[in-house]
Amino acid sequence: MKDAIKNPYGPALIEIEGGLLDHDVRVGDGAAPYDYDDDTFRTAVFIFMGAVMCKLWEKMEGEPFEKQVIAATECGDALRGFVQDYCGIDT
């Protein structure tokens, strides 16, 4: 994607991923799972949506802006529906 800069939070996100994966293994061995209260769930969805939007813009580079806007809106609506259907949360 043109004009993109390196994500300064990339290393932190990778570290968080590793910690969550390690904990998931321990949960499989009987440890208590982590709780996702409203704030942590919102944060996780926000980070995911930001990454998805970045990849969507990258995929649609060169397409008319109106088409990009429609795709972004549809993507956001799909994620909202997914969370609503599977978690019962209206984002």
N, C-alpha and C. Protein backbone atom coordinates (compact mmCIF):
# COMPACT_ATOMS: atom_id res chain seq x y z
N MET A 1 0.85 -1.16 0.00
CA MET A 1 0.00 0.00 0.00
C MET A 1 0.90 1.23 0.00
N LYS A 2 0.64 2.14 -0.88
CA LYS A 2 1.49 3.33 -0.99
C LYS A 2 1.33 4.22 0.24
N ASP A 3 2.38 4.91 0.57
CA ASP A 3 2.41 5.86 1.67
C ASP A 3 2.18 5.24 3.05
N ALA A 4 2.22 3.91 3.17
CA ALA A 4 2.06 3.28 4.47
C ALA A 4 3.38 3.33 5.22
N ILE A 5 3.29 3.45 6.53
CA ILE A 5 4.49 3.42 7.36
C ILE A 5 4.47 2.15 8.20
N LYS A 6 5.65 1.75 8.64
CA LYS A 6 5.75 0.55 9.46
C LYS A 6 4.96 0.76 10.75
N ASN A 7 4.21 -0.23 11.14
CA ASN A 7 3.39 -0.16 12.34
C ASN A 7 4.30 -0.23 13.57
N PRO A 8 4.38 0.85 14.36
CA PRO A 8 5.26 0.83 15.53
C PRO A 8 4.78 -0.14 16.61
N TYR A 9 3.54 -0.59 16.51
CA TYR A 9 2.99 -1.52 17.49
C TYR A 9 3.14 -2.98 17.07
N GLY A 10 3.70 -3.21 15.87
CA GLY A 10 3.88 -4.57 15.37
C GLY A 10 4.57 -5.49 16.36
N PRO A 11 5.74 -5.11 16.89
CA PRO A 11 6.41 -5.99 17.84
C PRO A 11 5.55 -6.29 19.08
N ALA A 12 4.83 -5.29 19.57
CA ALA A 12 3.98 -5.51 20.74
C ALA A 12 2.83 -6.46 20.41
N LEU A 13 2.25 -6.31 19.22
CA LEU A 13 1.17 -7.21 18.81
C LEU A 13 1.67 -8.64 18.69
N ILE A 14 2.86 -8.81 18.14
CA ILE A 14 3.44 -10.15 18.01
C ILE A 14 3.72 -10.75 19.39
N GLU A 15 4.20 -9.92 20.31
CA GLU A 15 4.45 -10.40 21.68
C GLU A 15 3.14 -10.80 22.36
N ILE A 16 2.10 -10.01 22.19
CA ILE A 16 0.79 -10.34 22.75
C ILE A 16 0.29 -11.66 22.16
N GLU A 17 0.42 -11.81 20.85
CA GLU A 17 0.00 -13.06 20.20
C GLU A 17 0.70 -14.26 20.83
N GLY A 18 2.02 -14.15 21.00
CA GLY A 18 2.78 -15.25 21.58
C GLY A 18 2.33 -15.57 22.99
N GLY A 19 2.09 -14.53 23.79
CA GLY A 19 1.62 -14.76 25.15
C GLY A 19 0.25 -15.41 25.19
N LEU A 20 -0.63 -14.98 24.31
CA LEU A 20 -1.97 -15.58 24.25
C LEU A 20 -1.90 -17.04 23.79
N LEU A 21 -1.05 -17.31 22.80
CA LEU A 21 -0.89 -18.70 22.35
C LEU A 21 -0.33 -19.58 23.46
N ASP A 22 0.68 -19.08 24.16
CA ASP A 22 1.24 -19.85 25.28
C ASP A 22 0.18 -20.12 26.34
N HIS A 23 -0.63 -19.11 26.63
CA HIS A 23 -1.68 -19.30 27.63
C HIS A 23 -2.73 -20.29 27.14
N ASP A 24 -3.06 -20.24 25.87
CA ASP A 24 -4.04 -21.20 25.33
C ASP A 24 -3.57 -22.64 25.53
N VAL A 25 -2.27 -22.87 25.39
CA VAL A 25 -1.72 -24.21 25.63
C VAL A 25 -1.93 -24.58 27.11
N ARG A 26 -1.66 -23.62 28.00
CA ARG A 26 -1.86 -23.90 29.42
C ARG A 26 -3.33 -24.14 29.75
N VAL A 27 -4.23 -23.43 29.06
CA VAL A 27 -5.66 -23.67 29.26
C VAL A 27 -5.98 -25.11 28.86
N GLY A 28 -5.38 -25.56 27.78
CA GLY A 28 -5.57 -26.95 27.37
C GLY A 28 -5.08 -27.94 28.41
N ASP A 29 -4.16 -27.48 29.25
CA ASP A 29 -3.62 -28.33 30.32
C ASP A 29 -4.33 -28.08 31.65
N GLY A 30 -5.40 -27.28 31.64
CA GLY A 30 -6.19 -27.10 32.84
C GLY A 30 -6.15 -25.72 33.47
N ALA A 31 -5.36 -24.80 32.96
CA ALA A 31 -5.33 -23.44 33.52
C ALA A 31 -6.64 -22.72 33.20
N ALA A 32 -6.98 -21.72 33.99
CA ALA A 32 -8.18 -20.93 33.75
C ALA A 32 -7.97 -20.04 32.53
N PRO A 33 -8.99 -19.90 31.67
CA PRO A 33 -8.85 -19.03 30.50
C PRO A 33 -8.89 -17.57 30.91
N TYR A 34 -8.38 -16.71 30.05
CA TYR A 34 -8.47 -15.27 30.27
C TYR A 34 -9.90 -14.82 30.02
N ASP A 35 -10.31 -13.80 30.78
CA ASP A 35 -11.61 -13.18 30.59
C ASP A 35 -11.47 -12.02 29.60
N TYR A 36 -12.43 -11.84 28.75
CA TYR A 36 -12.49 -10.69 27.87
C TYR A 36 -13.69 -9.85 28.29
N ASP A 37 -13.44 -8.87 29.18
CA ASP A 37 -14.51 -7.96 29.57
C ASP A 37 -14.82 -7.05 28.37
N ASP A 38 -15.78 -6.17 28.55
CA ASP A 38 -16.20 -5.31 27.43
C ASP A 38 -15.04 -4.50 26.86
N ASP A 39 -14.18 -3.96 27.73
CA ASP A 39 -13.07 -3.13 27.26
C ASP A 39 -12.04 -3.93 26.47
N THR A 40 -11.66 -5.10 26.98
CA THR A 40 -10.64 -5.89 26.26
C THR A 40 -11.21 -6.47 24.97
N PHE A 41 -12.49 -6.84 24.99
CA PHE A 41 -13.10 -7.36 23.76
C PHE A 41 -13.16 -6.27 22.70
N ARG A 42 -13.60 -5.07 23.10
CA ARG A 42 -13.66 -3.94 22.16
C ARG A 42 -12.28 -3.65 21.58
N THR A 43 -11.27 -3.69 22.42
CA THR A 43 -9.90 -3.42 21.96
C THR A 43 -9.46 -4.47 20.95
N ALA A 44 -9.73 -5.73 21.22
CA ALA A 44 -9.33 -6.79 20.30
C ALA A 44 -10.03 -6.64 18.95
N VAL A 45 -11.32 -6.32 18.97
CA VAL A 45 -12.07 -6.12 17.72
C VAL A 45 -11.54 -4.91 16.97
N PHE A 46 -11.23 -3.84 17.69
CA PHE A 46 -10.70 -2.63 17.07
C PHE A 46 -9.37 -2.91 16.37
N ILE A 47 -8.49 -3.63 17.03
CA ILE A 47 -7.20 -3.97 16.44
C ILE A 47 -7.41 -4.84 15.20
N PHE A 48 -8.28 -5.84 15.31
CA PHE A 48 -8.55 -6.72 14.17
C PHE A 48 -9.14 -5.92 13.00
N MET A 49 -10.10 -5.05 13.28
CA MET A 49 -10.74 -4.29 12.21
C MET A 49 -9.74 -3.36 11.53
N GLY A 50 -8.85 -2.76 12.32
CA GLY A 50 -7.83 -1.90 11.73
C GLY A 50 -6.93 -2.67 10.78
N ALA A 51 -6.55 -3.89 11.18
CA ALA A 51 -5.70 -4.72 10.32
C ALA A 51 -6.46 -5.14 9.05
N VAL A 52 -7.73 -5.49 9.21
CA VAL A 52 -8.53 -5.89 8.05
C VAL A 52 -8.68 -4.72 7.08
N MET A 53 -8.96 -3.54 7.59
CA MET A 53 -9.10 -2.37 6.72
C MET A 53 -7.81 -2.08 5.97
N CYS A 54 -6.68 -2.21 6.66
CA CYS A 54 -5.39 -1.98 6.00
C CYS A 54 -5.22 -2.95 4.82
N LYS A 55 -5.52 -4.22 5.05
CA LYS A 55 -5.39 -5.22 3.99
C LYS A 55 -6.42 -5.01 2.89
N LEU A 56 -7.61 -4.55 3.26
CA LEU A 56 -8.64 -4.26 2.25
C LEU A 56 -8.20 -3.13 1.34
N TRP A 57 -7.67 -2.03 1.93
CA TRP A 57 -7.21 -0.91 1.11
C TRP A 57 -6.06 -1.36 0.21
N GLU A 58 -5.18 -2.20 0.76
CA GLU A 58 -4.05 -2.72 -0.03
C GLU A 58 -4.57 -3.53 -1.22
N LYS A 59 -5.54 -4.38 -0.97
CA LYS A 59 -6.12 -5.23 -2.03
C LYS A 59 -6.82 -4.39 -3.09
N MET A 60 -7.44 -3.29 -2.68
CA MET A 60 -8.25 -2.51 -3.60
C MET A 60 -7.51 -1.31 -4.19
N GLU A 61 -6.22 -1.24 -3.96
CA GLU A 61 -5.45 -0.12 -4.49
C GLU A 61 -5.66 -0.01 -6.00
N GLY A 62 -5.93 1.18 -6.46
CA GLY A 62 -6.17 1.41 -7.88
C GLY A 62 -7.64 1.36 -8.26
N GLU A 63 -8.48 0.84 -7.37
CA GLU A 63 -9.92 0.80 -7.63
C GLU A 63 -10.50 2.19 -7.38
N PRO A 64 -11.63 2.50 -7.99
CA PRO A 64 -12.27 3.79 -7.72
C PRO A 64 -12.60 3.94 -6.23
N PHE A 65 -12.43 5.16 -5.72
CA PHE A 65 -12.65 5.42 -4.30
C PHE A 65 -14.05 4.99 -3.86
N GLU A 66 -15.06 5.24 -4.68
CA GLU A 66 -16.43 4.88 -4.33
C GLU A 66 -16.55 3.38 -4.10
N LYS A 67 -15.86 2.59 -4.91
CA LYS A 67 -15.87 1.13 -4.76
C LYS A 67 -15.18 0.74 -3.45
N GLN A 68 -14.11 1.44 -3.09
CA GLN A 68 -13.41 1.17 -1.84
C GLN A 68 -14.31 1.47 -0.64
N VAL A 69 -15.04 2.57 -0.72
CA VAL A 69 -15.94 2.95 0.37
C VAL A 69 -17.03 1.89 0.56
N ILE A 70 -17.58 1.43 -0.53
CA ILE A 70 -18.62 0.39 -0.46
C ILE A 70 -18.05 -0.87 0.16
N ALA A 71 -16.86 -1.28 -0.26
CA ALA A 71 -16.23 -2.49 0.28
C ALA A 71 -15.95 -2.33 1.78
N ALA A 72 -15.46 -1.17 2.19
CA ALA A 72 -15.17 -0.93 3.60
C ALA A 72 -16.45 -0.99 4.44
N THR A 73 -17.52 -0.40 3.92
CA THR A 73 -18.80 -0.43 4.63
C THR A 73 -19.32 -1.85 4.75
N GLU A 74 -19.26 -2.60 3.67
CA GLU A 74 -19.72 -3.99 3.69
C GLU A 74 -18.88 -4.83 4.65
N CYS A 75 -17.58 -4.60 4.67
CA CYS A 75 -16.69 -5.32 5.57
C CYS A 75 -17.04 -5.02 7.03
N GLY A 76 -17.23 -3.75 7.35
CA GLY A 76 -17.60 -3.37 8.71
C GLY A 76 -18.95 -3.96 9.11
N ASP A 77 -19.90 -3.93 8.21
CA ASP A 77 -21.21 -4.51 8.49
C ASP A 77 -21.11 -6.02 8.71
N ALA A 78 -20.26 -6.68 7.92
CA ALA A 78 -20.08 -8.13 8.07
C ALA A 78 -19.46 -8.47 9.42
N LEU A 79 -18.46 -7.70 9.83
CA LEU A 79 -17.84 -7.95 11.13
C LEU A 79 -18.85 -7.70 12.25
N ARG A 80 -19.61 -6.63 12.14
CA ARG A 80 -20.62 -6.35 13.15
C ARG A 80 -21.62 -7.50 13.24
N GLY A 81 -22.06 -8.00 12.09
CA GLY A 81 -22.99 -9.13 12.07
C GLY A 81 -22.38 -10.39 12.67
N PHE A 82 -21.13 -10.64 12.36
CA PHE A 82 -20.42 -11.81 12.88
C PHE A 82 -20.38 -11.77 14.41
N VAL A 83 -19.97 -10.62 14.95
CA VAL A 83 -19.88 -10.48 16.41
C VAL A 83 -21.27 -10.60 17.03
N GLN A 84 -22.26 -10.00 16.40
CA GLN A 84 -23.64 -10.09 16.91
C GLN A 84 -24.12 -11.54 16.91
N ASP A 85 -23.91 -12.25 15.80
CA ASP A 85 -24.40 -13.63 15.67
C ASP A 85 -23.69 -14.58 16.63
N TYR A 86 -22.39 -14.46 16.77
CA TYR A 86 -21.64 -15.44 17.53
C TYR A 86 -21.37 -15.06 18.97
N CYS A 87 -21.49 -13.76 19.31
CA CYS A 87 -21.18 -13.32 20.67
C CYS A 87 -22.36 -12.63 21.34
N GLY A 88 -23.38 -12.28 20.57
CA GLY A 88 -24.53 -11.58 21.13
C GLY A 88 -24.21 -10.15 21.51
N ILE A 89 -23.15 -9.56 20.90
CA ILE A 89 -22.74 -8.20 21.21
C ILE A 89 -22.97 -7.34 19.99
N ASP A 90 -23.69 -6.23 20.17
CA ASP A 90 -23.88 -5.28 19.08
C ASP A 90 -22.77 -4.25 19.16
N THR A 91 -21.78 -4.37 18.27
CA THR A 91 -20.66 -3.46 18.30
C THR A 91 -21.03 -2.08 17.81
